Amino acid sequence: MSTGSLSGLLAEVSLFARLDEQERDFLASRVRIVRFDAGSVMFRYGDPGNSMYVLKAGRVELSLKTKTGEHMVFAILGEHDFFGEISLLDGGARTASAHVLDDVEALEIDRSDLDELFRLQPSAALHLLTATGGRLRQTTQLLRNASTRNPNEDIEERRTLLVRLTDWIAQFAGSLVFLGIHVGYFAFWLGWNVLAPADYHFDQFPFGFLTLVVSLETIILSVFVLLSQNRQAERDRVRNDVEYDVNLKAEMQIAHMHEKIDENYAAQQKRLDAIERKLETMASKAEYSA
């Protein structure tokens, strides 16, 4: 691909859109084209990072596994999107993993390329920082809006038609309606076979057929109740996991709050020390003048 074509591609990327044509041409002359197959990993969280990528074709998922084990997807990027700029700018490790969803063709830009660009065109650094700040703001908003899982929604997603029927039968078996129906048909059964003429009796004393029906019903209902209890145990496990997540997030937020308080205290103390030194200097000057 020619330098002009690469420069045109860079112009479509928000990170480099503020650069002038000369700056983009210089950068296009130094970048490399790399390719990754679908299903591969371009880099993982914590890997050393000294380059960034601009997608020419394909899709990439940027994700991170949190301390609670949750798979958090930051973004699914496509043509003209960029990523990896944080590690490129600060020289630190990768802050997320990049998984290739579709075959990818991308431009790879090394730190040395940007260093040379910044040396020749210092204004380009401000343009890049402006675009990077916008990306960081979007990521911060995503993390802020990340909500805790709703256990009821998690459980509802896993319920099949058979499970729903099982829960309904177990719930119905413990209702007053179920009790009323059984009282009614027991009364009818016993009354018919005791009070009706003997020729009309279909289950004479000691009511063996009724005993068989009740025994079968008890066995079947016991199975449904046990299945429902297993489901309840599963629901309890999900709720316990959610409570753990909530407690962990609260602990992290409290720790972050303590850090902020300590930072504010240190800043205030530093400011007070500066004021105190200034007052001492003023007092010394006043005493010297006197």
Protein backbone atom coordinates (compact mmCIF):
# COMPACT_ATOMS: atom_id res chain seq x y z
CA MET A 1 0.00 0.00 0.00
CA SER A 2 1.37 3.43 -0.94
CA THR A 3 2.21 6.15 1.54
CA GLY A 4 -0.61 8.29 0.15
CA SER A 5 -3.16 5.54 0.75
CA LEU A 6 -1.91 5.01 4.30
CA SER A 7 -2.03 8.75 4.92
CA GLY A 8 -5.63 8.80 3.71
CA LEU A 9 -6.45 5.94 6.06
CA LEU A 10 -4.89 7.80 9.00
CA ALA A 11 -7.01 10.83 8.14
CA GLU A 12 -10.14 8.72 8.77
CA VAL A 13 -8.97 7.86 12.30
CA SER A 14 -10.06 10.25 15.05
CA LEU A 15 -6.70 9.92 16.79
CA PHE A 16 -4.85 11.34 13.76
CA ALA A 17 -7.60 13.47 12.22
CA ARG A 18 -6.18 16.63 13.82
CA LEU A 19 -2.74 16.10 12.27
CA ASP A 20 -1.98 18.04 9.12
CA GLU A 21 -1.20 16.31 5.83
CA GLN A 22 2.56 16.61 6.28
CA GLU A 23 2.42 14.98 9.71
CA ARG A 24 0.24 12.13 8.44
CA ASP A 25 2.50 11.54 5.44
CA PHE A 26 5.51 11.31 7.74
CA LEU A 27 3.74 8.82 9.99
CA ALA A 28 2.44 6.79 7.03
CA SER A 29 5.99 6.36 5.75
CA ARG A 30 7.01 4.61 8.98
CA VAL A 31 4.05 2.36 9.88
CA ARG A 32 3.83 -1.37 9.14
CA ILE A 33 0.89 -3.49 7.99
CA VAL A 34 0.16 -6.55 10.17
CA ARG A 35 -2.44 -9.30 9.82
CA PHE A 36 -4.15 -11.55 12.39
CA ASP A 37 -6.51 -14.48 11.85
CA ALA A 38 -9.97 -14.65 13.42
CA GLY A 39 -9.88 -16.25 16.87
CA SER A 40 -6.31 -15.17 17.61
CA VAL A 41 -5.21 -12.76 20.32
CA MET A 42 -3.28 -9.64 19.33
CA PHE A 43 -2.19 -9.02 22.92
CA ARG A 44 -3.32 -9.81 26.45
CA TYR A 45 -3.79 -7.75 29.56
CA GLY A 46 -0.43 -7.12 31.22
CA ASP A 47 1.67 -7.76 28.09
CA PRO A 48 4.43 -5.24 27.35
CA GLY A 49 3.16 -2.55 25.02
CA ASN A 50 5.30 -0.45 22.72
CA SER A 51 2.98 -0.10 19.73
CA MET A 52 -0.59 0.78 18.80
CA TYR A 53 -2.86 -0.37 15.99
CA VAL A 54 -5.22 1.20 13.47
CA LEU A 55 -7.73 -1.20 11.94
CA LYS A 56 -7.84 -1.25 8.16
CA ALA A 57 -10.21 -4.24 8.05
CA GLY A 58 -11.76 -6.73 10.47
CA ARG A 59 -13.10 -6.51 14.01
CA VAL A 60 -11.39 -6.65 17.41
CA GLU A 61 -12.88 -7.04 20.89
CA LEU A 62 -11.22 -5.14 23.74
CA SER A 63 -12.03 -6.81 27.05
CA LEU A 64 -10.83 -7.26 30.59
CA LYS A 65 -11.43 -9.88 33.27
CA THR A 66 -12.21 -8.11 36.54
CA LYS A 67 -11.12 -9.23 40.01
CA THR A 68 -14.59 -10.72 40.49
CA GLY A 69 -14.09 -12.94 37.44
CA GLU A 70 -16.50 -10.95 35.28
CA HIS A 71 -15.67 -10.62 31.58
CA MET A 72 -16.07 -6.93 30.78
CA VAL A 73 -16.11 -5.88 27.14
CA PHE A 74 -14.94 -2.30 26.67
CA ALA A 75 -15.55 -2.07 22.95
CA ILE A 76 -15.85 -3.98 19.68
CA LEU A 77 -13.79 -2.06 17.16
CA GLY A 78 -14.01 -2.03 13.39
CA GLU A 79 -12.54 -0.28 10.37
CA HIS A 80 -10.66 2.99 11.11
CA ASP A 81 -10.76 2.41 14.88
CA PHE A 82 -7.55 2.54 16.93
CA PHE A 83 -6.40 0.87 20.14
CA GLY A 84 -3.28 0.26 22.20
CA GLU A 85 -2.46 3.96 22.45
CA ILE A 86 -2.24 4.01 26.27
CA SER A 87 0.69 1.59 26.43
CA LEU A 88 2.28 3.38 23.50
CA LEU A 89 2.19 6.75 25.22
CA ASP A 90 3.18 5.77 28.77
CA GLY A 91 5.33 2.72 27.95
CA GLY A 92 3.40 0.58 30.45
CA ALA A 93 1.74 -2.81 30.14
CA ARG A 94 -1.43 -3.44 28.15
CA THR A 95 -4.58 -2.35 30.01
CA ALA A 96 -6.89 -4.79 28.19
CA SER A 97 -6.87 -7.87 25.96
CA ALA A 98 -7.49 -7.65 22.20
CA HIS A 99 -9.30 -10.67 20.70
CA VAL A 100 -9.67 -10.91 16.91
CA LEU A 101 -13.30 -11.53 15.91
CA ASP A 102 -12.80 -11.34 12.12
CA ASP A 103 -9.62 -11.51 10.06
CA VAL A 104 -7.74 -8.31 10.79
CA GLU A 105 -5.48 -6.12 8.68
CA ALA A 106 -4.07 -3.24 10.69
CA LEU A 107 -1.40 -0.56 10.78
CA GLU A 108 1.15 -0.97 13.58
CA ILE A 109 2.72 2.21 14.92
CA ASP A 110 5.74 1.98 17.22
CA ARG A 111 6.66 4.37 19.99
CA SER A 112 9.79 5.38 18.08
CA ASP A 113 7.60 6.47 15.15
CA LEU A 114 5.61 8.84 17.35
CA ASP A 115 8.74 10.07 19.13
CA GLU A 116 10.20 11.09 15.78
CA LEU A 117 6.91 12.72 14.77
CA PHE A 118 6.74 14.67 18.02
CA ARG A 119 10.34 15.78 17.59
CA LEU A 120 9.63 17.18 14.14
CA GLN A 121 6.09 18.41 14.86
CA PRO A 122 5.58 19.14 18.60
CA SER A 123 1.99 20.24 17.95
CA ALA A 124 1.13 16.66 16.96
CA ALA A 125 1.57 15.57 20.60
CA LEU A 126 -1.24 17.88 21.71
CA HIS A 127 -3.50 16.55 18.96
CA LEU A 128 -2.87 12.96 20.04
CA LEU A 129 -3.40 13.75 23.72
CA THR A 130 -6.73 15.42 22.90
CA ALA A 131 -8.02 12.33 21.08
CA THR A 132 -6.68 9.99 23.77
CA GLY A 133 -8.38 12.05 26.47
CA GLY A 134 -11.70 11.56 24.71
CA ARG A 135 -11.18 7.79 24.59
CA LEU A 136 -10.28 7.70 28.30
CA ARG A 137 -13.38 9.70 29.13
CA GLN A 138 -15.55 7.15 27.30
CA THR A 139 -13.89 4.27 29.14
CA THR A 140 -14.36 5.98 32.50
CA GLN A 141 -18.04 6.49 31.76
CA LEU A 142 -18.38 2.82 30.82
CA LEU A 143 -16.85 1.73 34.12
CA ARG A 144 -19.00 4.18 36.05
CA ASN A 145 -22.17 2.84 34.44
CA ALA A 146 -21.25 -0.81 34.97
CA SER A 147 -24.04 -2.08 37.22
CA THR A 148 -24.22 -5.01 39.56
CA ARG A 149 -25.84 -8.15 38.27
CA ASN A 150 -29.49 -8.69 39.10
CA PRO A 151 -29.77 -12.25 40.51
CA ASN A 152 -33.41 -12.52 39.46
CA GLU A 153 -32.49 -11.74 35.85
CA ASP A 154 -29.64 -14.26 35.91
CA ILE A 155 -31.94 -16.96 37.26
CA GLU A 156 -34.72 -16.13 34.82
CA GLU A 157 -32.36 -16.47 31.85
CA ARG A 158 -31.48 -20.04 32.88
CA ARG A 159 -35.05 -21.26 33.38
CA THR A 160 -36.29 -23.68 30.72
CA LEU A 161 -39.95 -24.52 30.09
CA LEU A 162 -39.62 -27.73 32.15
CA VAL A 163 -38.02 -25.83 35.03
CA ARG A 164 -40.79 -23.22 34.95
CA LEU A 165 -43.40 -25.99 35.06
CA THR A 166 -41.60 -27.67 37.97
CA ASP A 167 -41.47 -24.45 39.96
CA TRP A 168 -45.13 -23.73 39.26
CA ILE A 169 -46.26 -27.20 40.40
CA ALA A 170 -44.18 -26.98 43.59
CA GLN A 171 -45.54 -23.51 44.30
CA PHE A 172 -49.12 -24.57 43.59
CA ALA A 173 -48.76 -27.63 45.87
CA GLY A 174 -48.10 -25.30 48.80
CA SER A 175 -51.07 -23.00 48.18
CA LEU A 176 -54.48 -22.77 49.87
CA VAL A 177 -56.13 -23.46 46.51
CA PHE A 178 -54.38 -26.84 46.34
CA LEU A 179 -55.52 -27.60 49.90
CA GLY A 180 -59.09 -26.57 49.14
CA ILE A 181 -59.25 -28.75 46.02
CA HIS A 182 -58.06 -31.80 47.96
CA VAL A 183 -60.43 -31.19 50.85
CA GLY A 184 -63.26 -30.97 48.34
CA TYR A 185 -62.50 -34.12 46.39
CA PHE A 186 -61.68 -36.10 49.59
CA ALA A 187 -65.06 -35.07 51.02
CA PHE A 188 -66.80 -36.03 47.79
CA TRP A 189 -64.91 -39.34 47.55
CA LEU A 190 -65.59 -40.38 51.12
CA GLY A 191 -69.16 -39.07 51.13
CA TRP A 192 -70.06 -40.86 47.89
CA ASN A 193 -68.63 -44.19 49.03
CA VAL A 194 -70.22 -43.95 52.48
CA LEU A 195 -73.56 -42.20 52.02
CA ALA A 196 -74.53 -43.28 48.51
CA PRO A 197 -76.35 -46.61 47.91
CA ALA A 198 -74.00 -49.59 47.96
CA ASP A 199 -74.53 -50.27 44.26
CA TYR A 200 -72.93 -46.89 43.43
CA HIS A 201 -69.82 -47.34 45.58
CA PHE A 202 -66.62 -47.43 43.47
CA ASP A 203 -64.15 -47.52 46.39
CA GLN A 204 -65.56 -49.16 49.46
CA PHE A 205 -64.07 -48.98 52.93
CA PRO A 206 -61.12 -49.01 53.68
CA PHE A 207 -60.79 -46.96 50.47
CA GLY A 208 -57.85 -48.78 48.89
CA PHE A 209 -58.14 -46.96 45.57
CA LEU A 210 -58.06 -43.57 47.33
CA THR A 211 -54.98 -44.69 49.24
CA LEU A 212 -53.28 -45.66 45.96
CA VAL A 213 -54.14 -42.33 44.31
CA VAL A 214 -52.90 -40.32 47.30
CA SER A 215 -49.67 -42.37 47.49
CA LEU A 216 -48.89 -41.82 43.81
CA GLU A 217 -49.68 -38.13 44.11
CA THR A 218 -47.40 -37.87 47.16
CA ILE A 219 -44.51 -39.52 45.32
CA ILE A 220 -44.89 -37.30 42.26
CA LEU A 221 -45.25 -34.11 44.28
CA SER A 222 -42.22 -35.07 46.39
CA VAL A 223 -40.11 -35.23 43.23
CA PHE A 224 -41.32 -31.80 42.10
CA VAL A 225 -40.70 -30.32 45.55
CA LEU A 226 -37.15 -31.74 45.63
CA LEU A 227 -36.46 -30.34 42.17
CA SER A 228 -37.77 -26.97 43.28
CA GLN A 229 -35.57 -27.09 46.39
CA ASN A 230 -32.55 -27.73 44.19
CA ARG A 231 -33.54 -24.71 42.14
CA GLN A 232 -33.83 -22.66 45.31
CA ALA A 233 -30.33 -23.76 46.34
CA GLU A 234 -29.07 -22.63 42.94
CA ARG A 235 -30.80 -19.28 43.36
CA ASP A 236 -29.18 -18.88 46.77
CA ARG A 237 -25.75 -19.55 45.26
CA VAL A 238 -26.33 -16.89 42.60
CA ARG A 239 -27.46 -14.38 45.22
CA ASN A 240 -24.42 -15.18 47.35
CA ASP A 241 -22.16 -14.57 44.34
CA VAL A 242 -23.88 -11.25 43.69
CA GLU A 243 -23.57 -10.23 47.33
CA TYR A 244 -19.86 -11.07 47.17
CA ASP A 245 -19.49 -8.91 44.06
CA VAL A 246 -21.31 -6.04 45.76
CA ASN A 247 -19.19 -6.31 48.90
CA LEU A 248 -16.00 -6.45 46.85
CA LYS A 249 -16.98 -3.40 44.80
CA ALA A 250 -17.94 -1.54 47.97
CA GLU A 251 -14.58 -2.43 49.52
CA MET A 252 -12.75 -1.17 46.43
CA GLN A 253 -14.77 2.06 46.43
CA ILE A 254 -14.06 2.61 50.13
CA ALA A 255 -10.35 2.01 49.55
CA HIS A 256 -10.45 4.47 46.65
CA MET A 257 -12.23 6.99 48.87
CA HIS A 258 -9.55 6.58 51.55
CA GLU A 259 -6.88 7.22 48.93
CA LYS A 260 -8.67 10.37 47.80
CA ILE A 261 -8.99 11.57 51.40
CA ASP A 262 -5.31 10.90 52.03
CA GLU A 263 -4.38 12.76 48.86
CA ASN A 264 -6.57 15.71 49.79
CA TYR A 265 -5.14 15.75 53.31
CA ALA A 266 -1.59 15.68 51.96
CA ALA A 267 -2.38 18.48 49.51
CA GLN A 268 -3.97 20.60 52.23
CA GLN A 269 -1.07 19.93 54.58
CA LYS A 270 1.37 20.95 51.85
CA ARG A 271 -0.61 24.10 51.21
CA LEU A 272 -0.72 24.94 54.93
CA ASP A 273 3.02 24.38 55.22
CA ALA A 274 3.59 26.73 52.30
CA ILE A 275 1.36 29.37 53.90
CA GLU A 276 3.14 28.93 57.22
CA ARG A 277 6.53 29.38 55.59
CA LYS A 278 5.27 32.44 53.77
CA LEU A 279 3.97 33.94 57.01
CA GLU A 280 7.26 33.21 58.74
CA THR A 281 9.12 34.90 55.91
CA MET A 282 6.85 37.93 56.09
CA ALA A 283 7.26 38.09 59.87
CA SER A 284 11.03 37.88 59.54
CA LYS A 285 11.05 40.68 56.98
CA ALA A 286 8.81 42.82 59.19
CA GLU A 287 11.04 42.19 62.19
CA TYR A 288 14.14 43.00 60.15
CA SER A 289 12.56 46.22 58.89
CA ALA A 290 11.65 47.24 62.43
